[in-house]
PDB file of N, CA and C in Angstrom:
ATOM      1  N   UNK A   1      -2.655  -5.444 -10.908  1.00  0.00           N
ATOM      2  CA  UNK A   1      -2.351  -4.774  -9.655  1.00  0.00           C
ATOM      3  C   UNK A   1      -3.463  -5.118  -8.677  1.00  0.00           C
ATOM      4  N   UNK A   2      -3.047  -5.406  -7.443  1.00  0.00           N
ATOM      5  CA  UNK A   2      -4.000  -5.819  -6.418  1.00  0.00           C
ATOM      6  C   UNK A   2      -3.669  -5.130  -5.099  1.00  0.00           C
ATOM      7  N   UNK A   3      -4.690  -4.608  -4.426  1.00  0.00           N
ATOM      8  CA  UNK A   3      -4.508  -4.040  -3.094  1.00  0.00           C
ATOM      9  C   UNK A   3      -4.294  -5.176  -2.112  1.00  0.00           C
ATOM     10  N   UNK A   4      -3.202  -5.110  -1.349  1.00  0.00           N
ATOM     11  CA  UNK A   4      -2.862  -6.161  -0.402  1.00  0.00           C
ATOM     12  C   UNK A   4      -3.248  -5.760   1.021  1.00  0.00           C
ATOM     13  N   UNK A   5      -2.983  -4.507   1.384  1.00  0.00           N
ATOM     14  CA  UNK A   5      -3.165  -4.108   2.782  1.00  0.00           C
ATOM     15  C   UNK A   5      -3.162  -2.590   2.886  1.00  0.00           C
ATOM     16  N   UNK A   6      -3.871  -2.091   3.891  1.00  0.00           N
ATOM     17  CA  UNK A   6      -3.799  -0.680   4.261  1.00  0.00           C
ATOM     18  C   UNK A   6      -3.407  -0.621   5.725  1.00  0.00           C
ATOM     19  N   UNK A   7      -2.369   0.134   6.023  1.00  0.00           N
ATOM     20  CA  UNK A   7      -1.901   0.313   7.397  1.00  0.00           C
ATOM     21  C   UNK A   7      -2.011   1.779   7.768  1.00  0.00           C
ATOM     22  N   UNK A   8      -2.459   2.046   8.990  1.00  0.00           N
ATOM     23  CA  UNK A   8      -2.562   3.409   9.492  1.00  0.00           C
ATOM     24  C   UNK A   8      -1.603   3.555  10.668  1.00  0.00           C
ATOM     25  N   UNK A   9      -0.763   4.573  10.619  1.00  0.00           N
ATOM     26  CA  UNK A   9       0.144   4.856  11.726  1.00  0.00           C
ATOM     27  C   UNK A   9      -0.672   5.549  12.817  1.00  0.00           C
ATOM     28  N   UNK A  10      -0.778   4.962  14.024  1.00  0.00           N
ATOM     29  CA  UNK A  10      -1.594   5.549  15.083  1.00  0.00           C
ATOM     30  C   UNK A  10      -0.954   6.781  15.723  1.00  0.00           C
ATOM     31  N   UNK A  11       0.298   7.052  15.392  1.00  0.00           N
ATOM     32  CA  UNK A  11       1.004   8.197  15.960  1.00  0.00           C
ATOM     33  C   UNK A  11       1.047   9.325  14.932  1.00  0.00           C
ATOM     34  N   UNK A  12       0.607  10.515  15.319  1.00  0.00           N
ATOM     35  CA  UNK A  12       0.621  11.620  14.362  1.00  0.00           C
ATOM     36  C   UNK A  12       2.035  12.049  14.002  1.00  0.00           C
ATOM     37  N   UNK A  13       2.156  12.535  12.792  1.00  0.00           N
ATOM     38  CA  UNK A  13       3.395  13.146  12.321  1.00  0.00           C
ATOM     39  C   UNK A  13       3.051  14.615  12.146  1.00  0.00           C
ATOM     40  N   UNK A  14       3.546  15.421  13.065  1.00  0.00           N
ATOM     41  CA  UNK A  14       3.068  16.798  13.127  1.00  0.00           C
ATOM     42  C   UNK A  14       1.627  16.753  13.605  1.00  0.00           C
ATOM     43  N   UNK A  15       0.731  17.277  12.791  1.00  0.00           N
ATOM     44  CA  UNK A  15      -0.689  17.231  13.160  1.00  0.00           C
ATOM     45  C   UNK A  15      -1.489  16.362  12.193  1.00  0.00           C
ATOM     46  N   UNK A  16      -0.795  15.448  11.505  1.00  0.00           N
ATOM     47  CA  UNK A  16      -1.457  14.571  10.538  1.00  0.00           C
ATOM     48  C   UNK A  16      -1.169  13.106  10.836  1.00  0.00           C
ATOM     49  N   UNK A  17      -2.076  12.259  10.384  1.00  0.00           N
ATOM     50  CA  UNK A  17      -1.906  10.815  10.496  1.00  0.00           C
ATOM     51  C   UNK A  17      -1.654  10.264   9.099  1.00  0.00           C
ATOM     52  N   UNK A  18      -0.785   9.280   9.012  1.00  0.00           N
ATOM     53  CA  UNK A  18      -0.388   8.716   7.730  1.00  0.00           C
ATOM     54  C   UNK A  18      -0.969   7.314   7.574  1.00  0.00           C
ATOM     55  N   UNK A  19      -1.450   7.045   6.380  1.00  0.00           N
ATOM     56  CA  UNK A  19      -1.892   5.697   6.030  1.00  0.00           C
ATOM     57  C   UNK A  19      -1.135   5.282   4.778  1.00  0.00           C
ATOM     58  N   UNK A  20      -0.793   4.016   4.716  1.00  0.00           N
ATOM     59  CA  UNK A  20      -0.100   3.470   3.561  1.00  0.00           C
ATOM     60  C   UNK A  20      -0.922   2.332   2.983  1.00  0.00           C
ATOM     61  N   UNK A  21      -1.068   2.365   1.668  1.00  0.00           N
ATOM     62  CA  UNK A  21      -1.721   1.276   0.947  1.00  0.00           C
ATOM     63  C   UNK A  21      -0.626   0.507   0.224  1.00  0.00           C
ATOM     64  N   UNK A  22      -0.667  -0.810   0.347  1.00  0.00           N
ATOM     65  CA  UNK A  22       0.325  -1.668  -0.290  1.00  0.00           C
ATOM     66  C   UNK A  22      -0.355  -2.487  -1.383  1.00  0.00           C
ATOM     67  N   UNK A  23       0.279  -2.522  -2.536  1.00  0.00           N
ATOM     68  CA  UNK A  23      -0.235  -3.229  -3.697  1.00  0.00           C
ATOM     69  C   UNK A  23       0.792  -4.259  -4.149  1.00  0.00           C
ATOM     70  N   UNK A  24       0.339  -5.224  -4.930  1.00  0.00           N
ATOM     71  CA  UNK A  24       1.253  -6.218  -5.500  1.00  0.00           C
ATOM     72  C   UNK A  24       0.938  -6.393  -6.978  1.00  0.00           C
ATOM     73  N   UNK A  25       2.001  -6.507  -7.768  1.00  0.00           N
ATOM     74  CA  UNK A  25       1.870  -6.766  -9.194  1.00  0.00           C
ATOM     75  C   UNK A  25       3.074  -7.590  -9.640  1.00  0.00           C
ATOM     76  N   UNK A  26       2.805  -8.768 -10.133  1.00  0.00           N
ATOM     77  CA  UNK A  26       3.869  -9.659 -10.643  1.00  0.00           C
ATOM     78  C   UNK A  26       5.005  -9.849  -9.636  1.00  0.00           C
ATOM     79  N   UNK A  27       4.647 -10.051  -8.382  1.00  0.00           N
ATOM     80  CA  UNK A  27       5.640 -10.313  -7.354  1.00  0.00           C
ATOM     81  C   UNK A  27       6.344  -9.077  -6.819  1.00  0.00           C
ATOM     82  N   UNK A  28       5.986  -7.896  -7.297  1.00  0.00           N
ATOM     83  CA  UNK A  28       6.581  -6.653  -6.808  1.00  0.00           C
ATOM     84  C   UNK A  28       5.581  -5.928  -5.917  1.00  0.00           C
ATOM     85  N   UNK A  29       6.092  -5.321  -4.834  1.00  0.00           N
ATOM     86  CA  UNK A  29       5.240  -4.537  -3.945  1.00  0.00           C
ATOM     87  C   UNK A  29       5.336  -3.071  -4.309  1.00  0.00           C
ATOM     88  N   UNK A  30       4.195  -2.413  -4.258  1.00  0.00           N
ATOM     89  CA  UNK A  30       4.086  -0.990  -4.543  1.00  0.00           C
ATOM     90  C   UNK A  30       3.406  -0.327  -3.351  1.00  0.00           C
ATOM     91  N   UNK A  31       3.622   0.979  -3.165  1.00  0.00           N
ATOM     92  CA  UNK A  31       3.123   1.659  -1.977  1.00  0.00           C
ATOM     93  C   UNK A  31       2.602   3.046  -2.312  1.00  0.00           C
ATOM     94  N   UNK A  32       1.525   3.426  -1.639  1.00  0.00           N
ATOM     95  CA  UNK A  32       0.932   4.762  -1.720  1.00  0.00           C
ATOM     96  C   UNK A  32       0.798   5.282  -0.295  1.00  0.00           C
ATOM     97  N   UNK A  33       1.124   6.540  -0.074  1.00  0.00           N
ATOM     98  CA  UNK A  33       1.000   7.155   1.239  1.00  0.00           C
ATOM     99  C   UNK A  33       0.033   8.328   1.156  1.00  0.00           C
ATOM    100  N   UNK A  34      -0.864   8.411   2.136  1.00  0.00           N
ATOM    101  CA  UNK A  34      -1.780   9.546   2.245  1.00  0.00           C
ATOM    102  C   UNK A  34      -1.735  10.066   3.674  1.00  0.00           C
ATOM    103  N   UNK A  35      -2.139  11.321   3.848  1.00  0.00           N
ATOM    104  CA  UNK A  35      -2.164  11.933   5.180  1.00  0.00           C
ATOM    105  C   UNK A  35      -3.518  12.606   5.390  1.00  0.00           C
ATOM    106  N   UNK A  36      -3.980  12.591   6.647  1.00  0.00           N
ATOM    107  CA  UNK A  36      -5.245  13.228   7.002  1.00  0.00           C
ATOM    108  C   UNK A  36      -5.208  13.630   8.476  1.00  0.00           C
ATOM    109  N   UNK A  37      -6.268  14.296   8.910  1.00  0.00           N
ATOM    110  CA  UNK A  37      -6.318  14.848  10.261  1.00  0.00           C
ATOM    111  C   UNK A  37      -6.552  13.843  11.370  1.00  0.00           C
ATOM    112  N   UNK A  38      -7.161  12.704  11.061  1.00  0.00           N
ATOM    113  CA  UNK A  38      -7.407  11.673  12.073  1.00  0.00           C
ATOM    114  C   UNK A  38      -7.054  10.309  11.475  1.00  0.00           C
ATOM    115  N   UNK A  39      -6.835   9.302  12.333  1.00  0.00           N
ATOM    116  CA  UNK A  39      -6.548   7.964  11.795  1.00  0.00           C
ATOM    117  C   UNK A  39      -7.692   7.435  10.923  1.00  0.00           C
ATOM    118  N   UNK A  40      -8.939   7.674  11.334  1.00  0.00           N
ATOM    119  CA  UNK A  40     -10.077   7.199  10.539  1.00  0.00           C
ATOM    120  C   UNK A  40     -10.145   7.884   9.184  1.00  0.00           C
ATOM    121  N   UNK A  41      -9.870   9.187   9.160  1.00  0.00           N
ATOM    122  CA  UNK A  41      -9.859   9.919   7.886  1.00  0.00           C
ATOM    123  C   UNK A  41      -8.726   9.417   6.991  1.00  0.00           C
ATOM    124  N   UNK A  42      -7.571   9.125   7.575  1.00  0.00           N
ATOM    125  CA  UNK A  42      -6.441   8.625   6.795  1.00  0.00           C
ATOM    126  C   UNK A  42      -6.780   7.275   6.175  1.00  0.00           C
ATOM    127  N   UNK A  43      -7.421   6.399   6.954  1.00  0.00           N
ATOM    128  CA  UNK A  43      -7.790   5.091   6.425  1.00  0.00           C
ATOM    129  C   UNK A  43      -8.829   5.228   5.309  1.00  0.00           C
ATOM    130  N   UNK A  44      -9.831   6.061   5.529  1.00  0.00           N
ATOM    131  CA  UNK A  44     -10.867   6.265   4.515  1.00  0.00           C
ATOM    132  C   UNK A  44     -10.271   6.849   3.238  1.00  0.00           C
ATOM    133  N   UNK A  45      -9.353   7.798   3.386  1.00  0.00           N
ATOM    134  CA  UNK A  45      -8.710   8.392   2.216  1.00  0.00           C
ATOM    135  C   UNK A  45      -7.879   7.354   1.477  1.00  0.00           C
ATOM    136  N   UNK A  46      -7.155   6.531   2.220  1.00  0.00           N
ATOM    137  CA  UNK A  46      -6.354   5.476   1.579  1.00  0.00           C
ATOM    138  C   UNK A  46      -7.254   4.506   0.825  1.00  0.00           C
ATOM    139  N   UNK A  47      -8.401   4.186   1.390  1.00  0.00           N
ATOM    140  CA  UNK A  47      -9.330   3.268   0.716  1.00  0.00           C
ATOM    141  C   UNK A  47      -9.879   3.875  -0.575  1.00  0.00           C
ATOM    142  N   UNK A  48     -10.318   5.126  -0.520  1.00  0.00           N
ATOM    143  CA  UNK A  48     -10.893   5.750  -1.719  1.00  0.00           C
ATOM    144  C   UNK A  48      -9.828   6.007  -2.776  1.00  0.00           C
ATOM    145  N   UNK A  49      -8.642   6.451  -2.352  1.00  0.00           N
ATOM    146  CA  UNK A  49      -7.563   6.696  -3.310  1.00  0.00           C
ATOM    147  C   UNK A  49      -7.091   5.390  -3.946  1.00  0.00           C
ATOM    148  N   UNK A  50      -7.059   4.318  -3.166  1.00  0.00           N
ATOM    149  CA  UNK A  50      -6.663   3.011  -3.705  1.00  0.00           C
ATOM    150  C   UNK A  50      -7.644   2.537  -4.760  1.00  0.00           C
ATOM    151  N   UNK A  51      -8.928   2.690  -4.490  1.00  0.00           N
ATOM    152  CA  UNK A  51      -9.947   2.272  -5.457  1.00  0.00           C
ATOM    153  C   UNK A  51      -9.835   3.082  -6.738  1.00  0.00           C
ATOM    154  N   UNK A  52      -9.653   4.392  -6.611  1.00  0.00           N
ATOM    155  CA  UNK A  52      -9.511   5.243  -7.795  1.00  0.00           C
ATOM    156  C   UNK A  52      -8.237   4.882  -8.561  1.00  0.00           C
ATOM    157  N   UNK A  53      -7.153   4.668  -7.829  1.00  0.00           N
ATOM    158  CA  UNK A  53      -5.885   4.294  -8.455  1.00  0.00           C
ATOM    159  C   UNK A  53      -6.021   3.001  -9.250  1.00  0.00           C
ATOM    160  N   UNK A  54      -6.604   1.975  -8.628  1.00  0.00           N
ATOM    161  CA  UNK A  54      -6.738   0.688  -9.312  1.00  0.00           C
ATOM    162  C   UNK A  54      -7.611   0.804 -10.552  1.00  0.00           C
ATOM    163  N   UNK A  55      -8.629   1.628 -10.489  1.00  0.00           N
ATOM    164  CA  UNK A  55      -9.499   1.846 -11.644  1.00  0.00           C
ATOM    165  C   UNK A  55      -8.718   2.482 -12.798  1.00  0.00           C
ATOM    166  N   UNK A  56      -7.910   3.469 -12.487  1.00  0.00           N
ATOM    167  CA  UNK A  56      -7.132   4.166 -13.521  1.00  0.00           C
ATOM    168  C   UNK A  56      -5.916   3.360 -13.963  1.00  0.00           C
ATOM    169  N   UNK A  57      -5.372   2.553 -13.061  1.00  0.00           N
ATOM    170  CA  UNK A  57      -4.178   1.772 -13.375  1.00  0.00           C
ATOM    171  C   UNK A  57      -4.429   0.838 -14.554  1.00  0.00           C
ATOM    172  N   UNK A  58      -5.630   0.290 -14.640  1.00  0.00           N
ATOM    173  CA  UNK A  58      -5.960  -0.624 -15.730  1.00  0.00           C
ATOM    174  C   UNK A  58      -5.919   0.027 -17.093  1.00  0.00           C
ATOM    175  N   UNK A  59      -6.107   1.335 -17.142  1.00  0.00           N
ATOM    176  CA  UNK A  59      -6.094   2.069 -18.406  1.00  0.00           C
ATOM    177  C   UNK A  59      -4.685   2.545 -18.759  1.00  0.00           C
ATOM    178  N   UNK A  60      -3.997   3.138 -17.780  1.00  0.00           N
ATOM    179  CA  UNK A  60      -2.644   3.664 -18.018  1.00  0.00           C
ATOM    180  C   UNK A  60      -1.876   3.599 -16.700  1.00  0.00           C
ATOM    181  N   UNK A  61      -1.117   2.535 -16.518  1.00  0.00           N
ATOM    182  CA  UNK A  61      -0.423   2.314 -15.242  1.00  0.00           C
ATOM    183  C   UNK A  61       0.581   3.413 -14.922  1.00  0.00           C
ATOM    184  N   UNK A  62       1.326   3.892 -15.914  1.00  0.00           N
ATOM    185  CA  UNK A  62       2.319   4.937 -15.649  1.00  0.00           C
ATOM    186  C   UNK A  62       1.656   6.229 -15.187  1.00  0.00           C
ATOM    187  N   UNK A  63       0.594   6.635 -15.859  1.00  0.00           N
ATOM    188  CA  UNK A  63      -0.112   7.861 -15.474  1.00  0.00           C
ATOM    189  C   UNK A  63      -0.721   7.714 -14.085  1.00  0.00           C
ATOM    190  N   UNK A  64      -1.302   6.558 -13.791  1.00  0.00           N
ATOM    191  CA  UNK A  64      -1.902   6.327 -12.471  1.00  0.00           C
ATOM    192  C   UNK A  64      -0.830   6.352 -11.384  1.00  0.00           C
ATOM    193  N   UNK A  65       0.316   5.732 -11.637  1.00  0.00           N
ATOM    194  CA  UNK A  65       1.405   5.738 -10.657  1.00  0.00           C
ATOM    195  C   UNK A  65       1.844   7.165 -10.345  1.00  0.00           C
ATOM    196  N   UNK A  66       1.955   7.995 -11.370  1.00  0.00           N
ATOM    197  CA  UNK A  66       2.362   9.387 -11.151  1.00  0.00           C
ATOM    198  C   UNK A  66       1.280  10.179 -10.446  1.00  0.00           C
ATOM    199  N   UNK A  67       0.043  10.043 -10.891  1.00  0.00           N
ATOM    200  CA  UNK A  67      -1.070  10.814 -10.324  1.00  0.00           C
ATOM    201  C   UNK A  67      -1.267  10.516  -8.845  1.00  0.00           C
ATOM    202  N   UNK A  68      -1.170   9.249  -8.459  1.00  0.00           N
ATOM    203  CA  UNK A  68      -1.426   8.857  -7.070  1.00  0.00           C
ATOM    204  C   UNK A  68      -0.140   8.633  -6.268  1.00  0.00           C
ATOM    205  N   UNK A  69       0.987   8.978  -6.840  1.00  0.00           N
ATOM    206  CA  UNK A  69       2.291   8.843  -6.165  1.00  0.00           C
ATOM    207  C   UNK A  69       2.492   7.430  -5.622  1.00  0.00           C
ATOM    208  N   UNK A  70       2.331   6.443  -6.490  1.00  0.00           N
ATOM    209  CA  UNK A  70       2.538   5.046  -6.123  1.00  0.00           C
ATOM    210  C   UNK A  70       3.928   4.638  -6.605  1.00  0.00           C
ATOM    211  N   UNK A  71       4.710   4.110  -5.685  1.00  0.00           N
ATOM    212  CA  UNK A  71       6.101   3.753  -5.983  1.00  0.00           C
ATOM    213  C   UNK A  71       6.376   2.321  -5.570  1.00  0.00           C
ATOM    214  N   UNK A  72       7.367   1.725  -6.234  1.00  0.00           N
ATOM    215  CA  UNK A  72       7.790   0.380  -5.861  1.00  0.00           C
ATOM    216  C   UNK A  72       8.344   0.444  -4.445  1.00  0.00           C
ATOM    217  N   UNK A  73       7.955  -0.537  -3.631  1.00  0.00           N
ATOM    218  CA  UNK A  73       8.319  -0.582  -2.216  1.00  0.00           C
ATOM    219  C   UNK A  73       9.596  -1.343  -2.024  1.00  0.00           C
TER     220      UNK A  73
END
Protein backbone atom coordinates (compact mmCIF):
# COMPACT_ATOMS: atom_id res chain seq x y z
CA UNK A 1 0.00 0.00 0.00
CA UNK A 2 1.32 3.41 -0.97
CA UNK A 3 0.07 6.94 -0.29
CA UNK A 4 -0.50 8.61 -3.66
CA UNK A 5 -2.04 11.99 -2.82
CA UNK A 6 -3.80 14.07 -0.20
CA UNK A 7 -6.46 16.53 -1.33
CA UNK A 8 -8.12 19.16 0.85
CA UNK A 9 -11.52 20.58 -0.06
CA UNK A 10 -11.16 24.38 0.37
CA UNK A 11 -14.92 24.74 0.89
CA UNK A 12 -16.30 23.87 4.32
CA UNK A 13 -19.01 21.29 4.74
CA UNK A 14 -21.02 22.68 7.59
CA UNK A 15 -18.29 23.99 9.86
CA UNK A 16 -15.66 21.40 8.92
CA UNK A 17 -13.12 20.96 6.15
CA UNK A 18 -12.59 17.58 4.53
CA UNK A 19 -9.33 16.04 3.40
CA UNK A 20 -9.01 12.82 1.44
CA UNK A 21 -5.97 10.59 1.31
CA UNK A 22 -5.66 8.34 -1.73
CA UNK A 23 -3.68 5.11 -1.66
CA UNK A 24 -2.79 2.50 -4.27
CA UNK A 25 -2.28 -1.23 -3.91
CA UNK A 26 -1.92 -3.65 -6.82
CA UNK A 27 -3.56 -1.25 -9.25
CA UNK A 28 -6.53 -0.51 -6.97
CA UNK A 29 -7.22 2.91 -5.45
CA UNK A 30 -8.25 3.24 -1.83
CA UNK A 31 -9.49 6.34 0.01
CA UNK A 32 -9.60 7.74 3.55
CA UNK A 33 -11.59 10.83 4.53
CA UNK A 34 -10.95 13.02 7.57
CA UNK A 35 -12.58 16.24 8.79
CA UNK A 36 -11.22 19.13 10.86
CA UNK A 37 -11.91 22.76 11.73
CA UNK A 38 -9.54 24.35 9.19
CA UNK A 39 -8.02 23.27 5.86
CA UNK A 40 -4.54 23.13 7.44
CA UNK A 41 -5.80 20.97 10.32
CA UNK A 42 -7.56 18.65 7.85
CA UNK A 43 -4.38 18.23 5.83
CA UNK A 44 -2.26 17.62 8.93
CA UNK A 45 -4.78 15.08 10.22
CA UNK A 46 -4.84 13.29 6.87
CA UNK A 47 -1.04 13.13 6.89
CA UNK A 48 -0.79 11.72 10.42
CA UNK A 49 -3.69 9.29 9.95
CA UNK A 50 -2.19 8.09 6.65
CA UNK A 51 1.17 7.41 8.28
CA UNK A 52 -0.47 5.52 11.15
CA UNK A 53 -2.67 3.59 8.73
CA UNK A 54 0.25 2.54 6.53
CA UNK A 55 2.20 1.43 9.59
CA UNK A 56 -0.67 -0.76 10.80
CA UNK A 57 -1.66 -1.93 7.32
CA UNK A 58 1.58 -3.90 7.03
CA UNK A 59 0.62 -5.97 10.07
CA UNK A 60 -3.11 -6.49 9.46
CA UNK A 61 -4.60 -4.81 6.39
CA UNK A 62 -8.22 -5.70 7.20
CA UNK A 63 -8.02 -4.32 10.75
CA UNK A 64 -6.27 -1.16 9.52
CA UNK A 65 -8.89 -0.62 6.80
CA UNK A 66 -11.67 -0.86 9.38
CA UNK A 67 -9.93 1.23 12.04
CA UNK A 68 -9.11 4.10 9.67
CA UNK A 69 -12.22 3.74 7.47
CA UNK A 70 -10.22 3.15 4.28
CA UNK A 71 -12.33 1.93 1.37
CA UNK A 72 -11.74 1.01 -2.24
CA UNK A 73 -12.27 4.10 -4.39
